[in-house]
Amino acid sequence: MRKYEAMFIIKPELSPEEKKGLFDQISDVIVKNKGNVSQAGIWSEKKKLYFSIKKCQEGVYYLVNFSLTDPALISELKRLYELNENILRVLITRQDK
């Protein structure tokens, strides 16, 4: 299994319940695609963005470390995350260890 790290920028105006639901959805997408989430959590709360993204000046940064059996599924994960309107940006990188 290869290890990956995903950084999400989330809309800052979500309520705590909406954030929790979104974080659960992020993990569920990985698990449904035969992945395993090893660590997940908020990296930075309401950080000012250098430039606006989808008319938002701030964002919540959410970091997820996970492993995946098939590297070809990364593009599918990105596609699924981009469909969610509460996710402003996502960056998935492979960890070499």
C-alpha atoms as a PDB file:
ATOM      1  CA  MET A   1       0.000   0.000   0.000  1.00  0.00           C
ATOM      2  CA  ARG A   2       1.219   3.476  -0.830  1.00  0.00           C
ATOM      3  CA  LYS A   3       0.895   6.312   1.659  1.00  0.00           C
ATOM      4  CA  TYR A   4      -0.632   9.659   0.744  1.00  0.00           C
ATOM      5  CA  GLU A   5      -1.359  13.002   2.344  1.00  0.00           C
ATOM      6  CA  ALA A   6      -4.348  15.143   1.374  1.00  0.00           C
ATOM      7  CA  MET A   7      -4.813  18.799   2.275  1.00  0.00           C
ATOM      8  CA  PHE A   8      -8.318  20.216   1.962  1.00  0.00           C
ATOM      9  CA  ILE A   9      -9.402  23.835   2.126  1.00  0.00           C
ATOM     10  CA  ILE A  10     -12.951  23.908   3.480  1.00  0.00           C
ATOM     11  CA  LYS A  11     -15.474  26.762   3.515  1.00  0.00           C
ATOM     12  CA  PRO A  12     -15.076  28.587   6.854  1.00  0.00           C
ATOM     13  CA  GLU A  13     -18.745  29.422   7.441  1.00  0.00           C
ATOM     14  CA  LEU A  14     -19.803  25.801   8.059  1.00  0.00           C
ATOM     15  CA  SER A  15     -21.275  24.993  11.466  1.00  0.00           C
ATOM     16  CA  PRO A  16     -19.417  22.489  13.691  1.00  0.00           C
ATOM     17  CA  GLU A  17     -22.002  19.808  12.824  1.00  0.00           C
ATOM     18  CA  GLU A  18     -21.587  20.459   9.091  1.00  0.00           C
ATOM     19  CA  LYS A  19     -17.797  20.317   9.427  1.00  0.00           C
ATOM     20  CA  LYS A  20     -17.981  16.998  11.273  1.00  0.00           C
ATOM     21  CA  GLY A  21     -20.282  15.592   8.590  1.00  0.00           C
ATOM     22  CA  LEU A  22     -17.950  16.795   5.835  1.00  0.00           C
ATOM     23  CA  PHE A  23     -14.883  15.324   7.566  1.00  0.00           C
ATOM     24  CA  ASP A  24     -16.732  11.996   7.862  1.00  0.00           C
ATOM     25  CA  GLN A  25     -17.589  12.149   4.138  1.00  0.00           C
ATOM     26  CA  ILE A  26     -13.940  12.786   3.259  1.00  0.00           C
ATOM     27  CA  SER A  27     -12.860   9.690   5.199  1.00  0.00           C
ATOM     28  CA  ASP A  28     -15.740   7.601   3.805  1.00  0.00           C
ATOM     29  CA  VAL A  29     -14.682   8.312   0.215  1.00  0.00           C
ATOM     30  CA  ILE A  30     -11.205   6.967   0.974  1.00  0.00           C
ATOM     31  CA  VAL A  31     -12.536   3.867   2.751  1.00  0.00           C
ATOM     32  CA  LYS A  32     -15.056   3.116  -0.030  1.00  0.00           C
ATOM     33  CA  ASN A  33     -12.192   3.193  -2.547  1.00  0.00           C
ATOM     34  CA  LYS A  34     -10.268   0.492  -0.641  1.00  0.00           C
ATOM     35  CA  GLY A  35      -8.167   2.902   1.376  1.00  0.00           C
ATOM     36  CA  ASN A  36      -7.265   3.238   5.020  1.00  0.00           C
ATOM     37  CA  VAL A  37      -7.216   6.561   6.921  1.00  0.00           C
ATOM     38  CA  SER A  38      -4.368   6.611   9.423  1.00  0.00           C
ATOM     39  CA  GLN A  39      -4.712  10.179  10.706  1.00  0.00           C
ATOM     40  CA  ALA A  40      -7.033  13.125  10.085  1.00  0.00           C
ATOM     41  CA  GLY A  41      -7.559  16.482  11.720  1.00  0.00           C
ATOM     42  CA  ILE A  42      -7.842  20.238  11.373  1.00  0.00           C
ATOM     43  CA  TRP A  43      -4.479  21.746  10.510  1.00  0.00           C
ATOM     44  CA  SER A  44      -5.518  25.407  10.711  1.00  0.00           C
ATOM     45  CA  GLU A  45      -8.827  27.054  11.639  1.00  0.00           C
ATOM     46  CA  LYS A  46      -9.988  30.043   9.504  1.00  0.00           C
ATOM     47  CA  LYS A  47      -6.717  30.932   7.854  1.00  0.00           C
ATOM     48  CA  LYS A  48      -6.735  33.960   5.545  1.00  0.00           C
ATOM     49  CA  LEU A  49      -6.196  32.971   1.911  1.00  0.00           C
ATOM     50  CA  TYR A  50      -3.676  34.769  -0.294  1.00  0.00           C
ATOM     51  CA  PHE A  51      -6.333  35.060  -3.007  1.00  0.00           C
ATOM     52  CA  SER A  52     -10.053  34.334  -2.941  1.00  0.00           C
ATOM     53  CA  ILE A  53     -11.269  30.877  -3.902  1.00  0.00           C
ATOM     54  CA  LYS A  54     -14.920  30.621  -4.929  1.00  0.00           C
ATOM     55  CA  LYS A  55     -15.523  34.051  -3.333  1.00  0.00           C
ATOM     56  CA  CYS A  56     -14.083  32.949   0.049  1.00  0.00           C
ATOM     57  CA  GLN A  57     -11.338  35.015   1.704  1.00  0.00           C
ATOM     58  CA  GLU A  58     -10.666  32.466   4.484  1.00  0.00           C
ATOM     59  CA  GLY A  59     -10.554  28.696   4.681  1.00  0.00           C
ATOM     60  CA  VAL A  60     -10.273  25.840   7.153  1.00  0.00           C
ATOM     61  CA  TYR A  61      -7.322  23.571   6.391  1.00  0.00           C
ATOM     62  CA  TYR A  62      -7.978  19.856   6.982  1.00  0.00           C
ATOM     63  CA  LEU A  63      -5.158  17.298   6.714  1.00  0.00           C
ATOM     64  CA  VAL A  64      -5.673  13.564   6.064  1.00  0.00           C
ATOM     65  CA  ASN A  65      -2.993  10.857   5.975  1.00  0.00           C
ATOM     66  CA  PHE A  66      -4.103   7.652   4.295  1.00  0.00           C
ATOM     67  CA  SER A  67      -2.920   4.620   2.374  1.00  0.00           C
ATOM     68  CA  LEU A  68      -4.350   3.206  -0.837  1.00  0.00           C
ATOM     69  CA  THR A  69      -3.830  -0.106  -2.616  1.00  0.00           C
ATOM     70  CA  ASP A  70      -4.354   1.149  -6.172  1.00  0.00           C
ATOM     71  CA  PRO A  71      -2.638   4.431  -7.149  1.00  0.00           C
ATOM     72  CA  ALA A  72      -4.986   4.775 -10.136  1.00  0.00           C
ATOM     73  CA  LEU A  73      -7.797   5.614  -7.692  1.00  0.00           C
ATOM     74  CA  ILE A  74      -6.214   8.973  -6.779  1.00  0.00           C
ATOM     75  CA  SER A  75      -7.770  10.662  -9.810  1.00  0.00           C
ATOM     76  CA  GLU A  76     -11.173   9.222  -8.827  1.00  0.00           C
ATOM     77  CA  LEU A  77     -10.766  10.566  -5.278  1.00  0.00           C
ATOM     78  CA  LYS A  78      -9.921  14.036  -6.607  1.00  0.00           C
ATOM     79  CA  ARG A  79     -12.949  13.959  -8.909  1.00  0.00           C
ATOM     80  CA  LEU A  80     -15.275  12.998  -6.062  1.00  0.00           C
ATOM     81  CA  TYR A  81     -13.888  15.697  -3.772  1.00  0.00           C
ATOM     82  CA  GLU A  82     -14.220  18.389  -6.452  1.00  0.00           C
ATOM     83  CA  LEU A  83     -17.949  17.608  -6.703  1.00  0.00           C
ATOM     84  CA  ASN A  84     -18.469  18.727  -3.091  1.00  0.00           C
ATOM     85  CA  GLU A  85     -19.301  22.443  -2.966  1.00  0.00           C
ATOM     86  CA  ASN A  86     -17.986  22.800   0.620  1.00  0.00           C
ATOM     87  CA  ILE A  87     -14.464  21.783  -0.433  1.00  0.00           C
ATOM     88  CA  LEU A  88     -12.695  24.766  -1.994  1.00  0.00           C
ATOM     89  CA  ARG A  89      -9.443  22.979  -2.925  1.00  0.00           C
ATOM     90  CA  VAL A  90      -7.800  19.595  -2.486  1.00  0.00           C
ATOM     91  CA  LEU A  91      -4.173  18.571  -2.935  1.00  0.00           C
ATOM     92  CA  ILE A  92      -3.137  14.919  -2.691  1.00  0.00           C
ATOM     93  CA  THR A  93       0.545  14.044  -2.529  1.00  0.00           C
ATOM     94  CA  ARG A  94       2.346  10.723  -2.209  1.00  0.00           C
ATOM     95  CA  GLN A  95       4.584  10.213   0.816  1.00  0.00           C
ATOM     96  CA  ASP A  96       7.855   8.461   0.082  1.00  0.00           C
ATOM     97  CA  LYS A  97       8.877   6.390   3.081  1.00  0.00           C
END
